[in-house]
């Protein structure tokens, strides 16, 4: 999804890093995985003179190593990202270490493009990034905070917002509203919310797991899918369901057939986790913060969730004081990495 959006904005080719490097499929019976390494590397480097890596805060050390190995001498590599967002799921802190090392040029971009500059979403995001959670008083309704008592009420409010309030009051249709939650389980987790939203938005026949019109999200890379493949985190809409269970999904990157064991890596996507939403943007976002998420809340998680919204942000708040405390006190958990020191040592050795 992010790659497709970059192509539209930049009018230049864009792809995921895995696709760029030629992730190698590995067959085991009916299972196909992409942990067999990459086609592009030191022996067959990339042809590009300039490689721009967007959402670089999501880049872990292993993937960064593979990318650098595939860049020939003289290739210009530009990392673009927000170090205040959630760090990579894999090991390392690549973007933060590059910035903190003082060994590479760093430019801070200050113009907003996702949200209206000076708007309520942008002001709230800047405050949260700085460790503050100010009260929201927005007559434009660009940002709305809805208080809830417990997870069940939070789930009810989410369903109301997506299926009625946001489309009716703001003119943003339900298919452009994305729900983001920190958790899978519980009344306000992805599983229960997707069931509730499907019942309202696309109840279907009830004969199978998916129906035409369902919003879905991929939970793993499947580059082997006919005809274009798809990446982990891509959101799409079910276009066809065949008798044998094969599902055709219209992703932003193009249509793809999902069948066999790959169906286990496809789930309903009206509600997704914050980690799954990272790297994407949506016209309207409903962030739900249930009480059971209290122990996992952090400033980067809340900041990442809120900044997925382009035009409207609703926050369904049921976590009590835990939300403000997380924004004020809980930053990214420290990671013990060596990249920063190694960069400084390498650059120092070359300058002597």
Protein backbone atom coordinates (compact mmCIF):
# COMPACT_ATOMS: atom_id res chain seq x y z
CA UNK A 1 0.00 0.00 0.00
CA UNK A 2 2.75 2.46 1.00
CA UNK A 3 4.77 1.60 -2.12
CA UNK A 4 1.76 2.22 -4.35
CA UNK A 5 1.14 5.58 -2.64
CA UNK A 6 4.79 6.56 -3.13
CA UNK A 7 4.53 5.80 -6.85
CA UNK A 8 1.52 8.08 -7.10
CA UNK A 9 3.17 10.93 -5.18
CA UNK A 10 6.66 10.76 -6.66
CA UNK A 11 5.84 9.58 -10.19
CA UNK A 12 8.71 7.14 -9.88
CA UNK A 13 8.93 3.36 -9.40
CA UNK A 14 8.45 2.18 -5.82
CA UNK A 15 8.34 -1.23 -4.17
CA UNK A 16 8.87 -2.94 -0.86
CA UNK A 17 12.49 -3.71 0.03
CA UNK A 18 11.78 -7.45 -0.20
CA UNK A 19 10.46 -7.05 -3.73
CA UNK A 20 13.34 -4.74 -4.73
CA UNK A 21 15.94 -7.24 -3.51
CA UNK A 22 14.16 -10.22 -5.04
CA UNK A 23 13.19 -12.23 -1.99
CA UNK A 24 13.80 -15.91 -2.77
CA UNK A 25 10.96 -18.36 -2.33
CA UNK A 26 11.52 -21.59 -0.44
CA UNK A 27 9.11 -24.48 -1.06
CA UNK A 28 8.33 -27.04 1.66
CA UNK A 29 5.46 -29.23 0.55
CA UNK A 30 2.56 -26.87 -0.06
CA UNK A 31 4.14 -24.11 2.01
CA UNK A 32 6.04 -21.26 0.38
CA UNK A 33 8.17 -18.92 2.48
CA UNK A 34 10.51 -16.08 1.57
CA UNK A 35 13.32 -16.72 4.05
CA UNK A 36 15.66 -18.07 1.38
CA UNK A 37 17.66 -14.87 1.09
CA UNK A 38 17.66 -12.34 -1.74
CA UNK A 39 18.60 -12.48 -5.42
CA UNK A 40 20.21 -9.04 -5.35
CA UNK A 41 23.39 -8.61 -3.33
CA UNK A 42 27.11 -7.97 -3.68
CA UNK A 43 27.32 -10.39 -6.64
CA UNK A 44 24.33 -8.80 -8.40
CA UNK A 45 23.92 -5.26 -7.08
CA UNK A 46 21.00 -2.97 -7.74
CA UNK A 47 21.03 -0.88 -10.91
CA UNK A 48 19.71 2.29 -9.26
CA UNK A 49 22.00 5.23 -8.60
CA UNK A 50 19.74 6.58 -5.82
CA UNK A 51 17.68 4.46 -3.41
CA UNK A 52 15.22 6.21 -1.08
CA UNK A 53 13.97 4.15 1.88
CA UNK A 54 10.74 5.53 3.31
CA UNK A 55 9.36 4.62 6.76
CA UNK A 56 12.91 3.76 7.78
CA UNK A 57 11.99 3.46 11.47
CA UNK A 58 10.56 0.03 10.53
CA UNK A 59 13.91 -1.17 9.14
CA UNK A 60 15.72 -3.82 11.23
CA UNK A 61 19.42 -4.61 11.07
CA UNK A 62 19.12 -7.79 8.99
CA UNK A 63 17.09 -6.15 6.24
CA UNK A 64 19.31 -3.05 6.35
CA UNK A 65 22.36 -5.30 5.93
CA UNK A 66 20.78 -7.01 2.92
CA UNK A 67 19.93 -3.65 1.35
CA UNK A 68 23.39 -2.20 1.88
CA UNK A 69 25.00 -5.36 0.49
CA UNK A 70 22.95 -4.89 -2.69
CA UNK A 71 24.01 -1.25 -3.16
CA UNK A 72 27.07 -0.90 -5.36
CA UNK A 73 29.88 1.55 -4.55
CA UNK A 74 28.71 5.04 -5.44
CA UNK A 75 25.01 4.36 -4.86
CA UNK A 76 23.32 7.16 -2.91
CA UNK A 77 21.13 5.85 -0.09
CA UNK A 78 18.55 8.15 1.53
CA UNK A 79 16.67 7.06 4.66
CA UNK A 80 13.40 8.87 5.36
CA UNK A 81 11.58 8.23 8.60
CA UNK A 82 10.34 9.39 11.97
CA UNK A 83 12.40 8.07 14.86
CA UNK A 84 9.55 8.93 17.25
CA UNK A 85 7.41 6.14 15.78
CA UNK A 86 7.45 2.51 16.85
CA UNK A 87 10.82 0.85 16.28
CA UNK A 88 11.29 -2.12 13.98
CA UNK A 89 9.77 -5.44 15.00
CA UNK A 90 13.10 -7.12 14.25
CA UNK A 91 16.38 -6.44 16.04
CA UNK A 92 18.11 -3.11 15.97
CA UNK A 93 17.42 0.59 15.91
CA UNK A 94 18.78 1.46 12.48
CA UNK A 95 17.23 4.89 11.88
CA UNK A 96 17.81 6.11 15.44
CA UNK A 97 21.41 4.90 15.45
CA UNK A 98 22.13 6.57 12.10
CA UNK A 99 20.77 9.87 13.40
CA UNK A 100 22.50 9.65 16.79
CA UNK A 101 25.86 8.59 15.37
CA UNK A 102 26.61 12.02 13.95
CA UNK A 103 28.38 10.34 11.03
CA UNK A 104 25.83 10.95 8.27
CA UNK A 105 24.10 14.15 7.11
CA UNK A 106 20.70 14.58 8.78
CA UNK A 107 17.98 16.96 7.61
CA UNK A 108 14.79 17.53 9.58
CA UNK A 109 11.72 17.92 7.39
CA UNK A 110 9.24 20.36 8.90
CA UNK A 111 6.49 20.68 6.27
CA UNK A 112 3.48 18.41 6.84
CA UNK A 113 1.86 16.65 3.89
CA UNK A 114 -0.25 13.87 5.46
CA UNK A 115 -2.34 16.21 7.61
CA UNK A 116 -3.26 19.87 7.20
CA UNK A 117 -0.38 21.93 8.57
CA UNK A 118 -1.50 23.66 11.75
CA UNK A 119 -4.63 21.49 11.91
CA UNK A 120 -5.87 19.66 14.98
CA UNK A 121 -4.31 16.29 14.05
CA UNK A 122 -0.91 17.89 13.44
CA UNK A 123 -1.05 19.89 16.69
CA UNK A 124 -1.98 16.82 18.71
CA UNK A 125 0.73 14.71 17.06
CA UNK A 126 3.41 17.32 17.76
CA UNK A 127 2.33 17.52 21.40
CA UNK A 128 2.35 13.73 21.85
CA UNK A 129 5.75 13.49 20.16
CA UNK A 130 7.01 15.95 22.77
CA UNK A 131 5.54 13.99 25.69
CA UNK A 132 2.33 15.94 26.26
CA UNK A 133 -1.32 14.95 25.90
CA UNK A 134 -3.27 18.21 25.78
CA UNK A 135 -7.06 18.42 26.08
CA UNK A 136 -8.80 18.39 22.70
CA UNK A 137 -11.22 21.20 21.93
CA UNK A 138 -11.68 21.17 18.18
CA UNK A 139 -14.80 22.83 16.75
CA UNK A 140 -13.82 21.61 13.26
CA UNK A 141 -14.13 17.99 14.46
CA UNK A 142 -10.86 17.08 12.79
CA UNK A 143 -10.04 15.42 16.11
CA UNK A 144 -12.73 13.96 18.36
CA UNK A 145 -12.16 12.22 21.70
CA UNK A 146 -14.86 9.81 22.87
CA UNK A 147 -14.70 8.62 26.47
CA UNK A 148 -15.80 5.07 27.24
CA UNK A 149 -16.18 3.00 30.38
CA UNK A 150 -14.53 -0.29 29.67
CA UNK A 151 -13.86 -2.34 26.57
CA UNK A 152 -17.45 -3.25 25.75
CA UNK A 153 -18.55 0.37 25.63
CA UNK A 154 -15.42 1.29 23.68
CA UNK A 155 -16.26 -1.35 21.07
CA UNK A 156 -19.83 -0.04 20.82
CA UNK A 157 -18.54 3.52 20.31
CA UNK A 158 -16.11 2.36 17.62
CA UNK A 159 -18.88 0.63 15.70
CA UNK A 160 -21.07 3.74 15.95
CA UNK A 161 -18.29 5.98 14.67
CA UNK A 162 -17.36 3.81 11.69
CA UNK A 163 -20.84 2.84 10.54
CA UNK A 164 -22.77 6.03 11.33
CA UNK A 165 -21.20 9.09 12.95
CA UNK A 166 -18.17 9.70 10.72
CA UNK A 167 -19.95 9.02 7.38
CA UNK A 168 -23.01 11.06 8.39
CA UNK A 169 -21.33 14.02 10.12
CA UNK A 170 -18.13 14.31 8.09
CA UNK A 171 -19.03 12.78 4.74
CA UNK A 172 -16.19 10.23 4.93
CA UNK A 173 -17.58 6.84 3.85
CA UNK A 174 -17.07 3.80 6.05
CA UNK A 175 -14.73 2.18 3.51
CA UNK A 176 -12.28 5.06 4.09
CA UNK A 177 -12.30 4.69 7.89
CA UNK A 178 -9.65 2.50 9.52
CA UNK A 179 -9.84 1.28 13.12
CA UNK A 180 -6.52 0.94 14.92
CA UNK A 181 -6.12 -0.80 18.29
CA UNK A 182 -3.10 -1.98 20.31
CA UNK A 183 -4.53 -5.45 21.03
CA UNK A 184 -5.97 -8.52 19.34
CA UNK A 185 -7.98 -9.93 22.26
CA UNK A 186 -10.83 -8.49 24.26
CA UNK A 187 -14.00 -6.65 23.26
CA UNK A 188 -11.97 -3.80 21.76
CA UNK A 189 -9.31 -5.97 20.11
CA UNK A 190 -9.00 -6.66 16.40
CA UNK A 191 -10.85 -10.00 16.51
CA UNK A 192 -14.03 -8.79 18.21
CA UNK A 193 -14.07 -5.43 16.42
CA UNK A 194 -13.73 -7.05 13.00
CA UNK A 195 -16.62 -9.40 13.81
CA UNK A 196 -18.79 -6.48 14.91
CA UNK A 197 -17.90 -4.32 11.91
CA UNK A 198 -18.42 -7.15 9.43
CA UNK A 199 -21.89 -7.77 10.90
CA UNK A 200 -22.76 -4.12 10.25
CA UNK A 201 -20.91 -3.37 7.02
CA UNK A 202 -20.79 -6.65 5.09
CA UNK A 203 -22.66 -9.51 6.80
CA UNK A 204 -22.49 -11.73 3.74
CA UNK A 205 -23.92 -15.22 3.48
CA UNK A 206 -22.26 -16.71 6.55
CA UNK A 207 -21.26 -19.78 4.50
CA UNK A 208 -17.53 -19.11 4.48
CA UNK A 209 -14.82 -17.19 6.27
CA UNK A 210 -14.74 -14.40 3.69
CA UNK A 211 -17.39 -12.74 1.55
CA UNK A 212 -17.12 -10.48 -1.48
CA UNK A 213 -16.73 -6.93 -0.16
CA UNK A 214 -14.85 -7.87 3.02
CA UNK A 215 -11.93 -5.67 3.96
CA UNK A 216 -8.88 -7.85 4.64
CA UNK A 217 -5.24 -7.43 5.59
CA UNK A 218 -2.25 -9.66 4.84
CA UNK A 219 -0.25 -10.86 7.84
CA UNK A 220 2.69 -12.29 5.85
CA UNK A 221 4.51 -11.77 2.56
CA UNK A 222 3.26 -13.89 -0.35
CA UNK A 223 5.17 -12.76 -3.41
CA UNK A 224 4.28 -16.04 -5.13
CA UNK A 225 0.58 -15.17 -5.31
CA UNK A 226 -0.76 -14.83 -8.85
CA UNK A 227 -0.35 -12.42 -10.61
CA UNK A 228 1.58 -9.77 -8.64
CA UNK A 229 2.01 -11.10 -5.11
CA UNK A 230 1.38 -9.02 -1.99
CA UNK A 231 3.23 -7.91 1.13
CA UNK A 232 2.65 -8.19 4.85
CA UNK A 233 0.40 -5.35 6.01
CA UNK A 234 -1.34 -4.68 2.69
CA UNK A 235 -5.04 -3.92 3.09
CA UNK A 236 -7.46 -4.92 0.35
CA UNK A 237 -11.04 -5.85 -0.48
CA UNK A 238 -12.28 -9.33 -1.39
CA UNK A 239 -13.35 -9.30 -5.05
CA UNK A 240 -14.25 -12.97 -5.53
CA UNK A 241 -14.61 -16.19 -3.53
CA UNK A 242 -14.44 -19.47 -5.43
CA UNK A 243 -15.97 -22.79 -4.45
CA UNK A 244 -12.61 -24.27 -3.50
CA UNK A 245 -12.04 -21.39 -1.04
CA UNK A 246 -9.66 -19.40 -3.25
CA UNK A 247 -10.09 -15.70 -2.54
CA UNK A 248 -9.25 -12.94 -5.02
CA UNK A 249 -8.28 -9.75 -3.21
CA UNK A 250 -7.94 -6.32 -4.78
CA UNK A 251 -4.90 -4.85 -3.02
CA UNK A 252 -3.52 -1.39 -3.72
CA UNK A 253 -0.64 -3.09 -5.53
CA UNK A 254 -3.05 -5.05 -7.73
CA UNK A 255 -5.21 -8.18 -7.56
CA UNK A 256 -3.94 -11.38 -5.99
CA UNK A 257 -5.25 -14.92 -5.60
CA UNK A 258 -5.03 -16.21 -2.03
CA UNK A 259 -5.45 -19.94 -1.68
CA UNK A 260 -4.37 -23.00 0.27
CA UNK A 261 -2.34 -22.38 3.38
CA UNK A 262 -1.84 -18.73 2.45
CA UNK A 263 -5.46 -18.17 3.54
CA UNK A 264 -4.26 -18.51 7.13
CA UNK A 265 -2.24 -15.31 6.58
CA UNK A 266 -5.31 -13.31 5.56
CA UNK A 267 -7.59 -11.79 8.20
CA UNK A 268 -10.37 -9.24 8.28
CA UNK A 269 -9.00 -5.72 8.20
CA UNK A 270 -11.61 -3.21 9.33
CA UNK A 271 -9.66 -3.14 12.60
CA UNK A 272 -5.88 -3.67 12.66
CA UNK A 273 -3.12 -3.30 15.24
CA UNK A 274 -0.97 -0.19 15.49
CA UNK A 275 2.08 -2.17 14.35
CA UNK A 276 0.18 -3.40 11.29
CA UNK A 277 -0.97 0.16 10.46
CA UNK A 278 2.53 1.62 10.64
CA UNK A 279 3.63 2.81 7.22
CA UNK A 280 0.07 3.35 6.00
CA UNK A 281 -2.28 6.34 5.99
CA UNK A 282 -6.06 6.57 5.84
CA UNK A 283 -8.56 9.41 5.30
CA UNK A 284 -10.10 8.74 8.71
CA UNK A 285 -8.78 6.73 11.66
CA UNK A 286 -10.48 5.57 14.83
CA UNK A 287 -7.90 4.82 17.52
CA UNK A 288 -9.33 2.77 20.37
CA UNK A 289 -7.43 2.54 23.66
CA UNK A 290 -9.03 -0.17 25.86
CA UNK A 291 -8.11 -0.72 29.52
CA UNK A 292 -6.38 -4.04 28.77
CA UNK A 293 -3.85 -2.15 26.63
CA UNK A 294 -2.60 -0.15 29.62
CA UNK A 295 0.55 -2.20 30.16
CA UNK A 296 1.70 -1.92 26.55
CA UNK A 297 0.99 1.77 25.98
CA UNK A 298 3.94 3.99 25.11
CA UNK A 299 4.52 7.37 23.51
CA UNK A 300 5.74 5.84 20.20
CA UNK A 301 2.72 3.54 19.99
CA UNK A 302 0.21 6.33 20.60
CA UNK A 303 2.06 8.72 18.29
CA UNK A 304 2.20 6.12 15.51
CA UNK A 305 -1.50 5.34 15.85
CA UNK A 306 -2.63 8.96 15.75
CA UNK A 307 -0.45 9.95 12.81
CA UNK A 308 -2.07 7.37 10.47
CA UNK A 309 -4.99 9.82 10.01
CA UNK A 310 -5.11 12.27 7.11
CA UNK A 311 -8.40 14.17 7.51
CA UNK A 312 -10.06 12.93 10.69
CA UNK A 313 -9.02 11.26 13.93
CA UNK A 314 -11.36 9.83 16.55
CA UNK A 315 -9.84 8.57 19.80
CA UNK A 316 -12.03 6.19 21.81
CA UNK A 317 -10.44 6.44 25.23
CA UNK A 318 -11.16 3.78 27.86
CA UNK A 319 -7.73 3.45 29.49
CA UNK A 320 -8.13 6.13 32.14
CA UNK A 321 -4.96 7.88 33.34
CA UNK A 322 -2.74 5.20 31.73
CA UNK A 323 -2.91 7.01 28.37
CA UNK A 324 -1.60 10.37 29.60
CA UNK A 325 0.99 8.65 31.80
CA UNK A 326 2.30 6.65 28.84
CA UNK A 327 2.64 9.79 26.71
CA UNK A 328 4.49 11.63 29.49
CA UNK A 329 6.71 8.90 30.86
CA UNK A 330 7.03 5.86 28.62
CA UNK A 331 9.26 6.27 25.59
CA UNK A 332 10.75 3.59 23.41
CA UNK A 333 12.14 0.70 25.42
CA UNK A 334 15.95 0.92 25.22
CA UNK A 335 17.65 -1.44 22.81
CA UNK A 336 21.26 -2.46 23.14
CA UNK A 337 22.74 -1.95 19.70
CA UNK A 338 26.27 -1.55 18.35
CA UNK A 339 25.57 0.25 15.08
CA UNK A 340 26.04 3.76 16.44
CA UNK A 341 29.45 2.95 17.97
CA UNK A 342 30.56 0.97 14.92
CA UNK A 343 29.67 3.84 12.58
CA UNK A 344 31.61 6.32 14.69
CA UNK A 345 34.61 3.98 14.82
CA UNK A 346 34.48 3.34 11.06
CA UNK A 347 34.23 7.01 10.13
CA UNK A 348 36.94 7.93 12.65
CA UNK A 349 39.32 5.33 11.21
CA UNK A 350 38.77 6.58 7.66
CA UNK A 351 39.47 10.19 8.64
CA UNK A 352 42.86 9.44 10.23
